[in-house]
Amino acid sequence: MSVAVIGSRGQLGTDLVETLEKTGGYEIFPLSHGDIECTDEASARKVLSSIKPQVVMNCAAFVRVDECEDSPEKAFRVNSLGALYVARACAEIDALCGLISTDYVFDGEKGEPYTEDDRPHPINVYGTSKLAGEELVQQTCRRWFIARTASLFGKAGAQSKGGNFLETVISKVKKGEPLRVVDDIRTSPTYTRDAAMVLETLIRNQSTGIFHVVNDKGCSWFELAEKTVQFTGFSCKLEPIRSEDYSMKARRPRDSRLTSARLDRAKGHLRPWDEALLAYLAEKRHVASPNTAS
């Protein structure tokens, strides 16, 4: 099976390409920004029509949530129009179109994890632009799947963010700097290696529909930082704060944890976030390799 991975050098794209390579049986076309410009429809059509993959996995996105508020045109150009142009190119070659989306399509007011059947209601530009991308893909392609994920962490780091939250925490504690972390926003931290394994299953099975691809349970950002410090064995001053006390331009959902009713049939739930965290820390050699690492 031939698979094109757009955003192949990103945090998730890197692990997806590696997972496809390790699994075997795939002809892989890794496409970075230098290979394809998703916001240019001619570029998307030219590149994808020339290689004619059976599956296109679009991992490209503008993910700086606060910057999306300052640059909504860029957010919609990348996250909405970019998704549309890739979807149109997929439709022309009858490729399965996969799109990575986000927990931020929800408002966080449900009070419990969102399933794939819950109605989206974004509260910031980033979430709105990603939801528009989802809808455009569904309207354009005969065969599609959308994988919503959240709070990704992986060995490649987020290029646009210069790393990830965990590496920021570790860098600060190594320097003995105090940490003030928001404790009233809950999310579903997700290890990109785990997410990539689910995506490989969805690709192999030619699955269609919306799937929530996150590690199980969920936690607050403070709990994530606290567990990171605990696992690495560093000592530092860790202070929980309210989101109102932290300067953020974009509104964040208070509780955007995700769960899946559909992955039970496709693959099953991913391991809990704290087990995935320990595996990540081992992969990055911040701790000794645990038995739970895969």
Protein backbone atom coordinates (compact mmCIF):
# COMPACT_ATOMS: atom_id res chain seq x y z
CA MET A 1 0.00 0.00 0.00
CA SER A 2 1.33 3.45 -0.86
CA VAL A 3 1.02 6.21 1.75
CA ALA A 4 1.91 9.89 1.53
CA VAL A 5 2.57 11.57 4.88
CA ILE A 6 2.26 15.35 4.70
CA GLY A 7 4.08 17.02 7.58
CA SER A 8 6.50 14.11 7.78
CA ARG A 9 9.09 16.03 9.81
CA GLY A 10 6.67 17.13 12.49
CA GLN A 11 6.21 15.55 15.88
CA LEU A 12 3.50 13.10 14.81
CA GLY A 13 4.56 12.75 11.18
CA THR A 14 8.05 11.62 12.21
CA ASP A 15 6.71 8.76 14.31
CA LEU A 16 4.10 7.83 11.73
CA VAL A 17 6.71 7.43 8.99
CA GLU A 18 8.89 5.38 11.35
CA THR A 19 5.94 3.19 12.36
CA LEU A 20 4.99 2.53 8.74
CA GLU A 21 8.60 1.62 7.95
CA LYS A 22 8.85 -0.77 10.90
CA THR A 23 5.50 -2.40 10.13
CA GLY A 24 6.47 -3.06 6.53
CA GLY A 25 4.35 -3.51 3.46
CA TYR A 26 4.12 0.19 2.69
CA GLU A 27 5.54 2.40 -0.02
CA ILE A 28 6.01 5.63 1.90
CA PHE A 29 6.19 9.15 0.50
CA PRO A 30 7.36 11.49 3.30
CA LEU A 31 6.38 15.04 2.33
CA SER A 32 7.66 18.05 4.25
CA HIS A 33 6.97 21.73 3.63
CA GLY A 34 9.72 21.83 1.03
CA ASP A 35 8.05 19.04 -0.95
CA ILE A 36 4.44 20.23 -0.94
CA GLU A 37 2.68 23.51 -0.16
CA CYS A 38 -0.77 22.60 1.10
CA THR A 39 -2.02 26.18 0.94
CA ASP A 40 -1.31 26.22 -2.81
CA GLU A 41 -3.91 24.06 -4.55
CA ALA A 42 -1.78 23.68 -7.65
CA SER A 43 1.13 22.37 -5.57
CA ALA A 44 -1.07 19.89 -3.70
CA ARG A 45 -2.59 18.58 -6.92
CA LYS A 46 0.71 18.37 -8.78
CA VAL A 47 2.58 16.51 -6.05
CA LEU A 48 -0.16 14.04 -5.15
CA SER A 49 -1.21 13.35 -8.74
CA SER A 50 2.41 12.59 -9.65
CA ILE A 51 2.87 9.94 -6.95
CA LYS A 52 -0.77 8.74 -6.75
CA PRO A 53 -0.69 7.30 -3.22
CA GLN A 54 -3.54 5.10 -2.06
CA VAL A 55 -3.63 6.94 1.27
CA VAL A 56 -2.75 10.55 2.12
CA MET A 57 -2.19 11.35 5.79
CA ASN A 58 -2.31 15.12 6.35
CA CYS A 59 -0.43 15.95 9.55
CA ALA A 60 0.30 19.57 8.57
CA ALA A 61 -1.22 22.35 10.68
CA PHE A 62 -0.70 25.80 12.16
CA VAL A 63 -0.84 24.85 15.84
CA ARG A 64 0.28 27.95 17.74
CA VAL A 65 -3.02 28.59 19.48
CA ASP A 66 -2.36 32.16 20.64
CA GLU A 67 -0.81 33.17 17.31
CA CYS A 68 -3.95 31.92 15.58
CA GLU A 69 -5.83 34.68 17.42
CA ASP A 70 -3.40 37.26 16.02
CA SER A 71 -3.32 35.72 12.53
CA PRO A 72 -6.73 34.19 11.84
CA GLU A 73 -6.19 34.45 8.08
CA LYS A 74 -3.10 32.24 8.36
CA ALA A 75 -4.94 29.81 10.64
CA PHE A 76 -7.78 29.34 8.16
CA ARG A 77 -5.43 29.30 5.18
CA VAL A 78 -3.38 26.43 6.64
CA ASN A 79 -5.90 24.51 8.74
CA SER A 80 -8.99 24.94 6.57
CA LEU A 81 -8.00 25.73 2.97
CA GLY A 82 -4.91 23.53 3.23
CA ALA A 83 -7.09 20.62 4.31
CA LEU A 84 -9.51 21.37 1.46
CA TYR A 85 -6.81 21.49 -1.22
CA VAL A 86 -5.32 18.19 -0.07
CA ALA A 87 -8.82 16.68 0.06
CA ARG A 88 -9.54 17.80 -3.52
CA ALA A 89 -6.29 16.25 -4.69
CA CYS A 90 -7.21 13.03 -2.88
CA ALA A 91 -10.63 12.98 -4.51
CA GLU A 92 -9.07 13.29 -7.96
CA ILE A 93 -6.90 10.20 -7.45
CA ASP A 94 -9.45 8.35 -5.27
CA ALA A 95 -7.07 8.22 -2.30
CA LEU A 96 -8.20 7.71 1.28
CA CYS A 97 -7.77 11.15 2.90
CA GLY A 98 -6.69 11.17 6.54
CA LEU A 99 -6.65 14.43 8.51
CA ILE A 100 -5.17 15.05 11.95
CA SER A 101 -7.43 17.26 14.06
CA THR A 102 -7.69 18.40 17.65
CA ASP A 103 -9.53 18.31 20.96
CA TYR A 104 -9.93 22.07 20.57
CA VAL A 105 -12.96 21.56 18.34
CA PHE A 106 -14.83 21.25 21.68
CA ASP A 107 -15.65 23.95 24.23
CA GLY A 108 -14.68 21.94 27.33
CA GLU A 109 -18.00 22.40 29.11
CA LYS A 110 -19.21 18.78 28.99
CA GLY A 111 -17.58 17.84 32.29
CA GLU A 112 -16.39 14.44 31.06
CA PRO A 113 -14.37 13.15 28.09
CA TYR A 114 -15.79 13.83 24.64
CA THR A 115 -16.62 10.97 22.29
CA GLU A 116 -16.69 11.05 18.51
CA ASP A 117 -20.47 11.52 18.62
CA ASP A 118 -20.37 14.75 20.64
CA ARG A 119 -21.19 17.95 18.80
CA PRO A 120 -18.14 20.22 18.28
CA HIS A 121 -18.26 23.80 19.55
CA PRO A 122 -14.85 25.50 19.33
CA ILE A 123 -14.13 28.62 21.38
CA ASN A 124 -10.96 29.91 19.71
CA VAL A 125 -9.64 30.56 16.21
CA TYR A 126 -7.44 27.47 16.17
CA GLY A 127 -10.30 25.12 17.02
CA THR A 128 -12.65 26.86 14.59
CA SER A 129 -10.13 26.61 11.74
CA LYS A 130 -9.52 22.92 12.43
CA LEU A 131 -13.25 22.16 12.57
CA ALA A 132 -13.69 23.93 9.23
CA GLY A 133 -10.94 21.71 7.84
CA GLU A 134 -12.74 18.62 9.13
CA GLU A 135 -16.00 19.64 7.49
CA LEU A 136 -14.35 20.48 4.17
CA VAL A 137 -12.66 17.07 4.04
CA GLN A 138 -15.97 15.32 4.73
CA GLN A 139 -17.72 17.32 2.03
CA THR A 140 -14.99 16.79 -0.56
CA CYS A 141 -13.81 13.19 -0.28
CA ARG A 142 -15.62 9.94 -0.88
CA ARG A 143 -13.27 8.14 1.52
CA TRP A 144 -11.86 9.95 4.54
CA PHE A 145 -11.01 9.63 8.21
CA ILE A 146 -10.32 12.25 10.84
CA ALA A 147 -8.10 11.50 13.82
CA ARG A 148 -8.56 13.96 16.67
CA THR A 149 -5.68 13.98 19.09
CA ALA A 150 -4.42 16.27 21.85
CA SER A 151 -1.38 17.63 23.71
CA LEU A 152 1.13 15.63 21.70
CA PHE A 153 4.58 14.72 22.94
CA GLY A 154 7.17 12.84 20.90
CA LYS A 155 10.88 12.55 20.30
CA ALA A 156 10.89 14.94 17.33
CA GLY A 157 9.26 17.77 19.28
CA ALA A 158 6.94 20.31 17.72
CA GLN A 159 9.07 22.26 15.25
CA SER A 160 6.83 25.32 15.42
CA LYS A 161 6.97 25.33 19.22
CA GLY A 162 10.65 24.49 19.63
CA GLY A 163 10.06 21.23 21.50
CA ASN A 164 7.14 20.24 23.68
CA PHE A 165 5.70 20.88 27.14
CA LEU A 166 7.58 17.99 28.75
CA GLU A 167 10.97 19.13 27.51
CA THR A 168 10.23 22.63 28.79
CA VAL A 169 9.42 21.18 32.22
CA ILE A 170 12.58 19.05 32.27
CA SER A 171 14.76 21.95 31.13
CA LYS A 172 13.47 24.15 33.93
CA VAL A 173 13.78 21.55 36.70
CA LYS A 174 17.33 20.71 35.62
CA LYS A 175 18.19 24.38 36.12
CA GLY A 176 16.46 24.41 39.50
CA GLU A 177 13.91 26.93 38.28
CA PRO A 178 10.49 27.01 39.97
CA LEU A 179 7.50 25.91 37.92
CA ARG A 180 4.05 27.47 37.92
CA VAL A 181 1.64 25.29 35.95
CA VAL A 182 -2.07 25.61 35.22
CA ASP A 183 -4.14 23.14 37.24
CA ASP A 184 -7.68 23.95 36.09
CA ILE A 185 -7.38 22.91 32.43
CA ARG A 186 -7.69 19.20 31.69
CA THR A 187 -6.46 17.50 28.54
CA SER A 188 -5.48 14.12 27.07
CA PRO A 189 -1.67 14.03 26.79
CA THR A 190 -0.78 11.77 23.87
CA TYR A 191 2.48 10.05 22.98
CA THR A 192 3.08 10.30 19.26
CA ARG A 193 4.45 6.75 19.07
CA ASP A 194 1.16 5.43 20.42
CA ALA A 195 -0.90 7.66 18.15
CA ALA A 196 1.18 6.57 15.16
CA MET A 197 0.44 2.90 15.86
CA VAL A 198 -3.30 3.62 15.82
CA LEU A 199 -2.97 5.61 12.60
CA GLU A 200 -1.13 2.69 10.99
CA THR A 201 -4.05 0.43 11.93
CA LEU A 202 -6.59 2.88 10.50
CA ILE A 203 -4.56 3.16 7.30
CA ARG A 204 -4.11 -0.60 6.96
CA ASN A 205 -7.81 -1.26 7.53
CA GLN A 206 -8.84 1.59 5.21
CA SER A 207 -11.00 2.87 8.07
CA THR A 208 -13.37 5.78 7.56
CA GLY A 209 -15.06 8.19 9.95
CA ILE A 210 -13.97 10.22 12.97
CA PHE A 211 -11.70 8.69 15.62
CA HIS A 212 -10.35 10.06 18.90
CA VAL A 213 -6.72 8.99 19.11
CA VAL A 214 -5.40 9.81 22.58
CA ASN A 215 -3.81 8.08 25.52
CA ASP A 216 -6.33 7.00 28.12
CA LYS A 217 -7.61 8.84 31.23
CA GLY A 218 -6.40 12.46 30.88
CA CYS A 219 -5.15 14.95 33.47
CA SER A 220 -4.46 18.61 34.15
CA TRP A 221 -1.32 20.32 32.90
CA PHE A 222 -0.14 20.54 36.51
CA GLU A 223 -0.62 16.79 36.99
CA LEU A 224 1.36 16.15 33.83
CA ALA A 225 4.23 18.35 35.04
CA GLU A 226 4.08 16.81 38.52
CA LYS A 227 4.29 13.26 37.15
CA THR A 228 7.17 14.26 34.87
CA VAL A 229 9.12 15.62 37.82
CA GLN A 230 8.31 12.51 39.86
CA PHE A 231 9.45 10.11 37.14
CA THR A 232 12.70 11.97 36.42
CA GLY A 233 13.60 12.22 40.10
CA PHE A 234 14.36 15.92 40.10
CA SER A 235 13.35 18.16 42.96
CA CYS A 236 11.85 21.54 42.27
CA LYS A 237 9.24 23.97 43.47
CA LEU A 238 6.07 23.13 41.58
CA GLU A 239 3.14 25.49 42.08
CA PRO A 240 -0.38 24.97 40.72
CA ILE A 241 -2.02 28.12 39.35
CA ARG A 242 -5.34 29.04 37.79
CA SER A 243 -5.59 29.70 34.09
CA GLU A 244 -6.73 33.24 34.90
CA ASP A 245 -3.30 33.84 36.42
CA TYR A 246 -1.48 32.73 33.28
CA SER A 247 -1.33 35.08 30.32
CA MET A 248 -3.01 33.41 27.33
CA LYS A 249 -4.53 35.31 24.42
CA ALA A 250 -6.78 32.47 23.22
CA ARG A 251 -9.49 30.92 25.37
CA ARG A 252 -8.78 27.28 26.19
CA PRO A 253 -11.40 24.60 26.82
CA ARG A 254 -11.50 23.84 30.55
CA ASP A 255 -11.81 20.10 30.03
CA SER A 256 -11.14 18.86 26.50
CA ARG A 257 -10.32 15.26 27.42
CA LEU A 258 -11.19 12.82 24.66
CA THR A 259 -12.23 9.18 24.69
CA SER A 260 -13.14 6.81 21.90
CA ALA A 261 -16.14 4.59 21.38
CA ARG A 262 -14.89 3.63 17.92
CA LEU A 263 -11.31 2.57 18.53
CA ASP A 264 -12.58 -0.34 20.61
CA ARG A 265 -13.64 -1.83 17.31
CA ALA A 266 -10.65 -0.61 15.28
CA LYS A 267 -7.79 -1.18 17.73
CA GLY A 268 -8.75 -0.68 21.37
CA HIS A 269 -7.93 2.05 23.86
CA LEU A 270 -4.38 3.30 24.14
CA ARG A 271 -2.51 2.86 27.42
CA PRO A 272 -3.02 5.48 30.17
CA TRP A 273 -1.21 8.77 29.72
CA ASP A 274 1.16 8.23 32.67
CA GLU A 275 2.40 4.90 31.26
CA ALA A 276 2.92 6.59 27.90
CA LEU A 277 4.77 9.44 29.62
CA LEU A 278 7.18 7.00 31.27
CA ALA A 279 7.82 5.31 27.92
CA TYR A 280 8.52 8.69 26.32
CA LEU A 281 10.93 9.68 29.09
CA ALA A 282 12.76 6.39 28.56
CA GLU A 283 12.90 6.94 24.80
CA LYS A 284 14.46 10.36 25.42
CA ARG A 285 16.81 8.81 28.01
CA HIS A 286 15.52 10.97 30.83
CA VAL A 287 14.85 7.77 32.82
CA ALA A 288 15.81 4.10 32.61
CA SER A 289 13.72 2.04 30.19
CA PRO A 290 10.55 0.79 31.94
CA ASN A 291 8.83 -2.52 31.34
CA THR A 292 5.85 -0.58 29.96
CA ALA A 293 7.83 0.93 27.09
CA SER A 294 7.02 -0.45 23.68
